[in-house]
Protein backbone atom coordinates (compact mmCIF):
# COMPACT_ATOMS: atom_id res chain seq x y z
CA MET A 1 18.75 -37.63 -3.23
CA THR A 2 21.35 -36.80 -0.63
CA ARG A 3 23.30 -39.66 0.87
CA LEU A 4 24.45 -39.15 4.44
CA GLN A 5 27.16 -41.62 5.36
CA ILE A 6 27.75 -42.16 9.05
CA ASP A 7 30.95 -43.78 10.19
CA SER A 8 30.99 -44.47 13.91
CA GLY A 9 31.73 -47.27 16.33
CA LYS A 10 28.28 -46.63 17.78
CA ARG A 11 26.60 -46.21 14.43
CA ASP A 12 23.15 -47.47 15.49
CA GLN A 13 23.02 -44.95 18.34
CA VAL A 14 24.44 -42.16 16.18
CA VAL A 15 22.03 -42.85 13.31
CA VAL A 16 19.06 -42.64 15.69
CA ILE A 17 20.31 -39.34 17.11
CA ILE A 18 20.90 -37.83 13.67
CA GLN A 19 17.54 -39.04 12.36
CA ALA A 20 15.79 -37.57 15.41
CA ALA A 21 17.56 -34.24 14.94
CA ILE A 22 16.62 -34.09 11.27
CA SER A 23 13.07 -35.15 12.08
CA SER A 24 12.84 -32.33 14.62
CA GLU A 25 14.09 -29.84 12.05
CA ILE A 26 11.51 -31.08 9.54
CA LYS A 27 8.75 -30.56 12.13
CA ARG A 28 10.06 -27.07 12.92
CA LEU A 29 10.09 -26.20 9.22
CA GLU A 30 6.56 -27.57 8.77
CA LEU A 31 5.34 -25.33 11.61
CA GLY A 32 7.07 -22.37 9.99
CA LEU A 33 5.51 -23.27 6.65
CA ALA A 34 2.04 -23.34 8.20
CA LYS A 35 2.60 -19.90 9.74
CA THR A 36 3.91 -18.51 6.46
CA ASN A 37 0.96 -19.96 4.54
CA ARG A 38 -1.44 -18.29 6.98
CA GLN A 39 0.28 -14.95 6.39
CA ILE A 40 0.12 -15.40 2.62
CA GLU A 41 -3.57 -16.34 2.80
CA ARG A 42 -4.21 -13.20 4.84
CA PHE A 43 -2.67 -11.05 2.09
CA GLU A 44 -4.60 -12.91 -0.62
CA LYS A 45 -7.89 -12.35 1.21
CA GLU A 46 -7.12 -8.72 2.01
CA TYR A 47 -6.35 -7.88 -1.63
CA ASN A 48 -8.63 -10.54 -3.15
CA ILE A 49 -5.94 -11.80 -5.54
CA SER A 50 -3.63 -14.80 -5.74
CA SER A 51 0.02 -14.55 -4.85
CA ASP A 52 0.95 -15.42 -8.45
CA HIS A 53 -1.12 -12.49 -9.71
CA PHE A 54 0.47 -10.26 -7.07
CA LEU A 55 4.00 -11.17 -8.12
CA ARG A 56 3.30 -10.70 -11.84
CA ASN A 57 1.27 -7.51 -11.72
CA TYR A 58 1.71 -5.51 -8.53
CA THR A 59 4.21 -2.93 -7.35
CA ALA A 60 4.50 -1.24 -3.98
CA GLU A 61 2.44 1.67 -5.27
CA ASP A 62 -0.52 -0.68 -5.81
CA MET A 63 -0.64 -1.72 -2.16
CA LYS A 64 -2.72 -0.13 0.60
CA ASN A 65 0.31 -0.14 2.88
CA GLY A 66 2.74 0.83 0.11
CA ASP A 67 6.25 -0.50 0.33
CA LEU A 68 5.71 -2.20 3.69
CA GLY A 69 2.79 -4.32 2.48
CA TYR A 70 4.59 -5.26 -0.73
CA ILE A 71 7.78 -6.19 1.10
CA GLN A 72 5.91 -8.25 3.69
CA TRP A 73 3.91 -10.24 1.12
CA ALA A 74 6.87 -10.77 -1.21
CA GLY A 75 9.00 -11.69 1.80
CA GLU A 76 6.54 -14.34 2.97
CA LEU A 77 6.55 -15.85 -0.52
CA GLN A 78 10.36 -16.00 -0.51
CA ILE A 79 10.37 -17.56 2.95
CA ARG A 80 7.89 -20.20 1.75
CA GLU A 81 10.13 -21.10 -1.19
CA ARG A 82 13.16 -21.45 1.09
CA ILE A 83 11.21 -23.64 3.50
CA PHE A 84 10.01 -25.84 0.63
CA GLU A 85 13.61 -26.24 -0.56
CA ASP A 86 14.92 -27.05 2.92
CA LEU A 87 12.13 -29.56 3.53
CA LYS A 88 12.77 -31.27 0.20
CA ASN A 89 16.49 -31.54 0.94
CA LEU A 90 15.94 -32.96 4.42
CA MET A 91 13.24 -35.39 3.34
CA ASP A 92 15.42 -36.71 0.52
CA ILE A 93 18.24 -37.78 2.83
CA GLU A 94 19.25 -41.42 2.62
CA TYR A 95 21.08 -42.71 5.70
CA VAL A 96 24.02 -45.05 5.13
CA ALA A 97 25.88 -46.36 8.16
CA SER A 98 29.18 -48.17 8.03
């Protein structure tokens, strides 16, 4: 858990602003996650394999589109992991005002 301490003379107003900003970022990340998941699902359907199987067993030479297809699929998987990490960090914030 991350503790965010806010020290301000207008702490109630500032806390609301910061919470709204973080909430907006969470929503933006969730939209990005949905888009990334759709891209990953498209690759899984096209190649009829799971992403886990792809990562363990495939190389660029195995792909219809060669390097480009491999890079795009692997890239989407990396983006998804980063989004998951960012979401977890933002959702674990505890607000402490003084």
